[in-house]
């Protein structure tokens, strides 16, 4: 009678370990292995899940390109606004394009104020 009880308890323990138990909840080793296999199958090259993910990534490429172009534009505008001749313009020599020391009596406060936020917007 004692041996039968031990054998029955051992069989229930193995069954619960392999197939799971409702109370207290335990998923069981076989269901865990099935889930791991399903995850592995979903991550195989050419799987439906990866094909869909690559499709979504491919459709976002134009957005990525637009963000890159906008960032570069902000960077160029920031560098232009920080230039001395932009902040304090001078008369240029028409022959060689070099600034003459003639002050136009203008200071670009707009450029001065926006240079830093433009640089920050780039990143």
N, C-alpha and C. Protein backbone atom coordinates (compact mmCIF):
# COMPACT_ATOMS: atom_id res chain seq x y z
N UNK A 1 0.82 -1.19 0.00
CA UNK A 1 0.00 0.00 0.00
C UNK A 1 0.87 1.26 0.00
N UNK A 2 1.95 1.30 0.81
CA UNK A 2 2.85 2.45 0.85
C UNK A 2 3.59 2.63 -0.46
N UNK A 3 4.00 1.50 -1.07
CA UNK A 3 4.71 1.58 -2.34
C UNK A 3 3.78 2.12 -3.43
N UNK A 4 2.53 1.71 -3.42
CA UNK A 4 1.57 2.21 -4.40
C UNK A 4 1.36 3.72 -4.26
N UNK A 5 1.31 4.19 -3.01
CA UNK A 5 1.16 5.62 -2.77
C UNK A 5 2.37 6.41 -3.28
N UNK A 6 3.58 5.88 -3.05
CA UNK A 6 4.80 6.54 -3.53
C UNK A 6 4.82 6.55 -5.05
N UNK A 7 4.46 5.44 -5.66
CA UNK A 7 4.44 5.36 -7.13
C UNK A 7 3.42 6.32 -7.70
N UNK A 8 2.26 6.42 -7.06
CA UNK A 8 1.21 7.33 -7.53
C UNK A 8 1.66 8.78 -7.39
N UNK A 9 2.27 9.12 -6.25
CA UNK A 9 2.75 10.49 -6.04
C UNK A 9 3.85 10.83 -7.03
N UNK A 10 4.73 9.88 -7.29
CA UNK A 10 5.81 10.13 -8.25
C UNK A 10 5.25 10.34 -9.65
N UNK A 11 4.26 9.54 -10.02
CA UNK A 11 3.64 9.68 -11.34
C UNK A 11 2.95 11.04 -11.46
N UNK A 12 2.26 11.49 -10.42
CA UNK A 12 1.60 12.80 -10.45
C UNK A 12 2.63 13.92 -10.54
N UNK A 13 3.74 13.76 -9.82
CA UNK A 13 4.80 14.78 -9.87
C UNK A 13 5.39 14.88 -11.27
N UNK A 14 5.68 13.73 -11.88
CA UNK A 14 6.23 13.73 -13.25
C UNK A 14 5.21 14.31 -14.21
N UNK A 15 3.95 13.91 -14.08
CA UNK A 15 2.91 14.42 -14.97
C UNK A 15 2.78 15.94 -14.82
N UNK A 16 2.76 16.44 -13.58
CA UNK A 16 2.66 17.88 -13.35
C UNK A 16 3.87 18.63 -13.86
N UNK A 17 5.05 18.03 -13.71
CA UNK A 17 6.27 18.66 -14.20
C UNK A 17 6.27 18.75 -15.72
N UNK A 18 5.83 17.68 -16.37
CA UNK A 18 5.85 17.67 -17.84
C UNK A 18 4.70 18.46 -18.45
N UNK A 19 3.47 18.24 -17.94
CA UNK A 19 2.30 18.83 -18.59
C UNK A 19 1.74 20.06 -17.88
N UNK A 20 2.22 20.35 -16.67
CA UNK A 20 1.75 21.52 -15.95
C UNK A 20 0.70 21.17 -14.91
N UNK A 21 0.41 22.15 -14.07
CA UNK A 21 -0.55 22.00 -12.98
C UNK A 21 -1.41 23.25 -12.96
N UNK A 22 -2.71 23.06 -12.67
CA UNK A 22 -3.65 24.19 -12.63
C UNK A 22 -3.50 24.97 -11.32
N UNK A 23 -3.44 24.24 -10.17
CA UNK A 23 -3.38 24.94 -8.89
C UNK A 23 -2.38 24.26 -7.97
N UNK A 24 -1.30 24.87 -7.61
CA UNK A 24 -0.83 26.19 -8.03
C UNK A 24 -0.35 26.13 -9.48
N UNK A 25 -0.59 27.21 -10.20
CA UNK A 25 -0.32 27.21 -11.63
C UNK A 25 1.17 26.99 -11.94
N UNK A 26 1.41 26.05 -12.83
CA UNK A 26 2.74 25.79 -13.38
C UNK A 26 2.53 25.35 -14.81
N UNK A 27 3.15 26.04 -15.77
CA UNK A 27 2.90 25.78 -17.18
C UNK A 27 3.35 24.38 -17.61
N UNK A 28 4.41 23.88 -17.04
CA UNK A 28 4.91 22.56 -17.42
C UNK A 28 6.03 22.66 -18.44
N UNK A 29 6.86 21.63 -18.45
CA UNK A 29 8.03 21.65 -19.33
C UNK A 29 7.66 21.48 -20.80
N UNK A 30 6.71 20.61 -21.12
CA UNK A 30 6.34 20.39 -22.53
C UNK A 30 5.72 21.63 -23.14
N UNK A 31 4.77 22.30 -22.48
CA UNK A 31 4.26 23.55 -23.04
C UNK A 31 5.35 24.62 -23.20
N UNK A 32 6.29 24.67 -22.26
CA UNK A 32 7.39 25.65 -22.38
C UNK A 32 8.22 25.33 -23.62
N UNK A 33 8.51 24.06 -23.82
CA UNK A 33 9.29 23.66 -25.01
C UNK A 33 8.53 23.99 -26.29
N UNK A 34 7.20 23.80 -26.30
CA UNK A 34 6.40 24.15 -27.49
C UNK A 34 6.46 25.65 -27.75
N UNK A 35 6.38 26.45 -26.69
CA UNK A 35 6.45 27.91 -26.84
C UNK A 35 7.82 28.35 -27.35
N UNK A 36 8.87 27.77 -26.82
CA UNK A 36 10.23 28.09 -27.28
C UNK A 36 10.38 27.72 -28.75
N UNK A 37 9.83 26.56 -29.14
CA UNK A 37 9.89 26.15 -30.54
C UNK A 37 9.13 27.14 -31.43
N UNK A 38 7.96 27.60 -30.95
CA UNK A 38 7.17 28.57 -31.72
C UNK A 38 7.94 29.88 -31.89
N UNK A 39 8.60 30.33 -30.83
CA UNK A 39 9.40 31.56 -30.91
C UNK A 39 10.55 31.36 -31.89
N UNK A 40 11.22 30.23 -31.79
CA UNK A 40 12.33 29.93 -32.69
C UNK A 40 11.86 29.90 -34.14
N UNK A 41 10.70 29.29 -34.38
CA UNK A 41 10.14 29.23 -35.73
C UNK A 41 9.82 30.63 -36.25
N UNK A 42 9.27 31.48 -35.38
CA UNK A 42 8.95 32.86 -35.78
C UNK A 42 10.20 33.67 -36.12
N UNK A 43 11.33 33.30 -35.55
CA UNK A 43 12.57 34.06 -35.78
C UNK A 43 13.44 33.45 -36.88
N UNK A 44 12.97 32.38 -37.52
CA UNK A 44 13.72 31.78 -38.63
C UNK A 44 13.76 32.74 -39.81
N UNK A 45 14.85 32.69 -40.57
CA UNK A 45 14.93 33.49 -41.80
C UNK A 45 13.77 33.13 -42.72
N UNK A 46 13.12 34.13 -43.26
CA UNK A 46 12.01 33.90 -44.17
C UNK A 46 10.69 33.62 -43.48
N UNK A 47 10.66 33.65 -42.15
CA UNK A 47 9.40 33.40 -41.45
C UNK A 47 8.42 34.54 -41.73
N UNK A 48 7.13 34.24 -41.55
CA UNK A 48 6.10 35.25 -41.80
C UNK A 48 6.31 36.48 -40.91
N UNK A 49 6.63 36.24 -39.62
CA UNK A 49 6.82 37.35 -38.70
C UNK A 49 7.98 38.25 -39.14
N UNK A 50 9.12 37.66 -39.45
CA UNK A 50 10.27 38.48 -39.86
C UNK A 50 10.01 39.17 -41.20
N UNK A 51 9.31 38.48 -42.10
CA UNK A 51 8.98 39.10 -43.39
C UNK A 51 8.11 40.34 -43.17
N UNK A 52 7.14 40.25 -42.25
CA UNK A 52 6.30 41.40 -41.94
C UNK A 52 7.11 42.52 -41.28
N UNK A 53 8.00 42.17 -40.38
CA UNK A 53 8.83 43.18 -39.71
C UNK A 53 9.71 43.90 -40.73
N UNK A 54 10.35 43.13 -41.62
CA UNK A 54 11.20 43.75 -42.65
C UNK A 54 10.37 44.64 -43.56
N UNK A 55 9.12 44.25 -43.83
CA UNK A 55 8.24 45.08 -44.65
C UNK A 55 7.96 46.41 -43.99
N UNK A 56 7.67 46.38 -42.70
CA UNK A 56 7.43 47.63 -41.96
C UNK A 56 8.68 48.50 -41.98
N UNK A 57 9.83 47.90 -41.73
CA UNK A 57 11.08 48.67 -41.75
C UNK A 57 11.35 49.27 -43.12
N UNK A 58 11.07 48.52 -44.18
CA UNK A 58 11.27 49.05 -45.53
C UNK A 58 10.35 50.23 -45.81
N UNK A 59 9.12 50.17 -45.28
CA UNK A 59 8.17 51.28 -45.51
C UNK A 59 8.55 52.51 -44.70
N UNK A 60 9.36 52.38 -43.67
CA UNK A 60 9.76 53.55 -42.88
C UNK A 60 11.03 54.20 -43.42
N UNK A 61 11.65 53.64 -44.44
CA UNK A 61 12.89 54.22 -44.99
C UNK A 61 12.69 55.66 -45.47
N UNK A 62 11.59 55.99 -46.16
CA UNK A 62 11.40 57.40 -46.56
C UNK A 62 11.35 58.35 -45.36
N UNK A 63 10.76 57.91 -44.25
CA UNK A 63 10.71 58.74 -43.05
C UNK A 63 12.12 58.94 -42.51
N UNK A 64 12.89 57.86 -42.47
CA UNK A 64 14.28 57.95 -42.00
C UNK A 64 15.07 58.91 -42.88
N UNK A 65 14.89 58.81 -44.18
CA UNK A 65 15.60 59.70 -45.11
C UNK A 65 15.20 61.16 -44.89
N UNK A 66 13.90 61.41 -44.69
CA UNK A 66 13.42 62.78 -44.48
C UNK A 66 13.97 63.36 -43.19
N UNK A 67 14.02 62.55 -42.14
CA UNK A 67 14.57 63.03 -40.86
C UNK A 67 16.05 63.36 -41.02
N UNK A 68 16.78 62.53 -41.75
CA UNK A 68 18.20 62.79 -41.98
C UNK A 68 18.40 64.10 -42.75
N UNK A 69 17.63 64.29 -43.82
CA UNK A 69 17.75 65.50 -44.64
C UNK A 69 17.39 66.73 -43.81
N UNK A 70 16.32 66.65 -43.02
CA UNK A 70 15.93 67.79 -42.18
C UNK A 70 17.03 68.10 -41.17
N UNK A 71 17.62 67.08 -40.57
CA UNK A 71 18.72 67.29 -39.61
C UNK A 71 19.90 67.96 -40.25
N UNK A 72 20.27 67.52 -41.44
CA UNK A 72 21.39 68.14 -42.16
C UNK A 72 21.07 69.59 -42.52
N UNK A 73 19.83 69.85 -42.90
CA UNK A 73 19.42 71.22 -43.23
C UNK A 73 19.54 72.12 -42.00
N UNK A 74 19.06 71.63 -40.85
CA UNK A 74 19.19 72.41 -39.61
C UNK A 74 20.65 72.66 -39.27
N UNK A 75 21.49 71.67 -39.48
CA UNK A 75 22.92 71.82 -39.22
C UNK A 75 23.54 72.90 -40.11
N UNK A 76 23.19 72.87 -41.39
CA UNK A 76 23.72 73.88 -42.33
C UNK A 76 23.23 75.27 -41.97
N UNK A 77 21.94 75.39 -41.64
CA UNK A 77 21.41 76.70 -41.25
C UNK A 77 22.07 77.21 -39.98
N UNK A 78 22.30 76.32 -39.04
CA UNK A 78 22.95 76.71 -37.79
C UNK A 78 24.36 77.22 -38.06
N UNK A 79 25.11 76.48 -38.88
CA UNK A 79 26.49 76.92 -39.20
C UNK A 79 26.48 78.24 -39.95
N UNK A 80 25.52 78.44 -40.84
CA UNK A 80 25.43 79.69 -41.60
C UNK A 80 25.11 80.85 -40.65
N UNK A 81 24.20 80.61 -39.69
CA UNK A 81 23.81 81.68 -38.78
C UNK A 81 24.91 82.04 -37.79
N UNK A 82 25.86 81.16 -37.57
CA UNK A 82 26.96 81.44 -36.66
C UNK A 82 28.12 82.17 -37.34
N UNK A 83 28.10 82.26 -38.66
CA UNK A 83 29.19 82.90 -39.40
C UNK A 83 29.26 84.40 -39.07
N UNK A 84 30.47 84.89 -38.96
CA UNK A 84 30.67 86.30 -38.62
C UNK A 84 30.00 87.23 -39.63
N UNK A 85 30.13 86.90 -40.92
CA UNK A 85 29.55 87.77 -41.94
C UNK A 85 28.03 87.70 -41.98
N UNK A 86 27.46 86.67 -41.41
CA UNK A 86 26.00 86.61 -41.31
C UNK A 86 25.54 87.44 -40.12
N UNK A 87 26.26 87.32 -39.01
CA UNK A 87 25.89 88.07 -37.81
C UNK A 87 26.13 89.56 -37.98
N UNK A 88 27.27 89.92 -38.57
CA UNK A 88 27.64 91.33 -38.78
C UNK A 88 28.09 91.50 -40.22
N UNK A 89 27.12 91.65 -41.15
CA UNK A 89 27.47 91.71 -42.57
C UNK A 89 28.31 92.94 -42.93
N UNK A 90 29.17 92.74 -43.92
CA UNK A 90 30.03 93.81 -44.45
C UNK A 90 29.77 93.92 -45.95
N UNK A 91 30.18 95.04 -46.52
CA UNK A 91 30.12 95.21 -47.97
C UNK A 91 31.19 94.30 -48.58
N UNK A 92 30.83 93.56 -49.64
CA UNK A 92 31.77 92.66 -50.29
C UNK A 92 32.38 93.34 -51.51
N UNK A 93 33.64 93.06 -51.73
CA UNK A 93 34.34 93.52 -52.93
C UNK A 93 33.80 92.71 -54.10
N UNK A 94 33.24 93.38 -55.08
CA UNK A 94 32.63 92.68 -56.22
C UNK A 94 33.65 91.90 -57.03
N UNK A 95 34.89 92.30 -57.02
CA UNK A 95 35.92 91.64 -57.82
C UNK A 95 36.27 90.26 -57.26
N UNK A 96 36.40 90.15 -55.94
CA UNK A 96 36.85 88.87 -55.38
C UNK A 96 35.91 88.29 -54.32
N UNK A 97 34.85 88.98 -54.00
CA UNK A 97 33.88 88.48 -53.03
C UNK A 97 34.33 88.56 -51.58
N UNK A 98 35.50 89.15 -51.34
CA UNK A 98 36.00 89.27 -49.97
C UNK A 98 35.38 90.50 -49.31
N UNK A 99 35.19 90.41 -48.00
CA UNK A 99 34.56 91.56 -47.32
C UNK A 99 35.49 92.75 -47.24
N UNK A 100 34.92 93.90 -47.51
CA UNK A 100 35.63 95.14 -47.26
C UNK A 100 35.35 95.49 -45.79
N UNK A 101 36.07 96.35 -45.25
CA UNK A 101 35.86 96.68 -43.85
C UNK A 101 34.77 97.74 -43.67
N UNK A 102 33.84 97.79 -44.60
CA UNK A 102 32.73 98.73 -44.50
C UNK A 102 31.58 98.05 -43.76
N UNK A 103 31.31 98.55 -42.59
CA UNK A 103 30.26 97.98 -41.75
C UNK A 103 28.90 98.41 -42.27
N UNK A 104 27.96 97.49 -42.37
CA UNK A 104 26.61 97.82 -42.82
C UNK A 104 25.72 98.28 -41.67
N UNK A 105 26.30 98.38 -40.47
CA UNK A 105 25.59 98.83 -39.29
C UNK A 105 24.33 97.98 -39.04
N UNK A 106 24.56 96.69 -39.15
CA UNK A 106 23.48 95.74 -38.93
C UNK A 106 24.04 94.56 -38.14
N UNK A 107 23.28 94.11 -37.16
CA UNK A 107 23.64 92.89 -36.45
C UNK A 107 22.41 91.98 -36.50
N UNK A 108 22.61 90.75 -36.94
CA UNK A 108 21.49 89.82 -37.11
C UNK A 108 21.19 89.13 -35.78
N UNK A 109 20.31 89.73 -35.00
CA UNK A 109 19.92 89.11 -33.72
C UNK A 109 19.09 87.86 -33.96
N UNK A 110 18.34 87.83 -35.05
CA UNK A 110 17.58 86.63 -35.42
C UNK A 110 18.53 85.45 -35.58
N UNK A 111 19.60 85.65 -36.33
CA UNK A 111 20.59 84.59 -36.55
C UNK A 111 21.24 84.17 -35.24
N UNK A 112 21.58 85.14 -34.43
CA UNK A 112 22.25 84.89 -33.16
C UNK A 112 21.35 84.04 -32.24
N UNK A 113 20.06 84.37 -32.22
CA UNK A 113 19.12 83.66 -31.34
C UNK A 113 18.80 82.27 -31.85
N UNK A 114 18.77 82.08 -33.15
CA UNK A 114 18.35 80.78 -33.70
C UNK A 114 19.49 79.80 -33.94
N UNK A 115 20.73 80.25 -33.94
CA UNK A 115 21.84 79.34 -34.25
C UNK A 115 21.88 78.14 -33.30
N UNK A 116 21.77 78.38 -32.01
CA UNK A 116 21.86 77.29 -31.04
C UNK A 116 20.65 76.34 -31.12
N UNK A 117 19.40 76.86 -31.15
CA UNK A 117 18.26 75.93 -31.28
C UNK A 117 18.30 75.12 -32.58
N UNK A 118 18.80 75.72 -33.65
CA UNK A 118 18.94 74.99 -34.92
C UNK A 118 19.94 73.85 -34.78
N UNK A 119 21.05 74.11 -34.12
CA UNK A 119 22.04 73.08 -33.91
C UNK A 119 21.46 71.95 -33.03
N UNK A 120 20.68 72.32 -32.03
CA UNK A 120 20.06 71.32 -31.16
C UNK A 120 19.03 70.50 -31.93
N UNK A 121 18.31 71.14 -32.85
CA UNK A 121 17.30 70.44 -33.64
C UNK A 121 17.94 69.41 -34.57
N UNK A 122 19.18 69.65 -34.95
CA UNK A 122 19.88 68.70 -35.83
C UNK A 122 20.03 67.35 -35.14
N UNK A 123 20.33 67.39 -33.85
CA UNK A 123 20.51 66.13 -33.15
C UNK A 123 19.21 65.70 -32.52
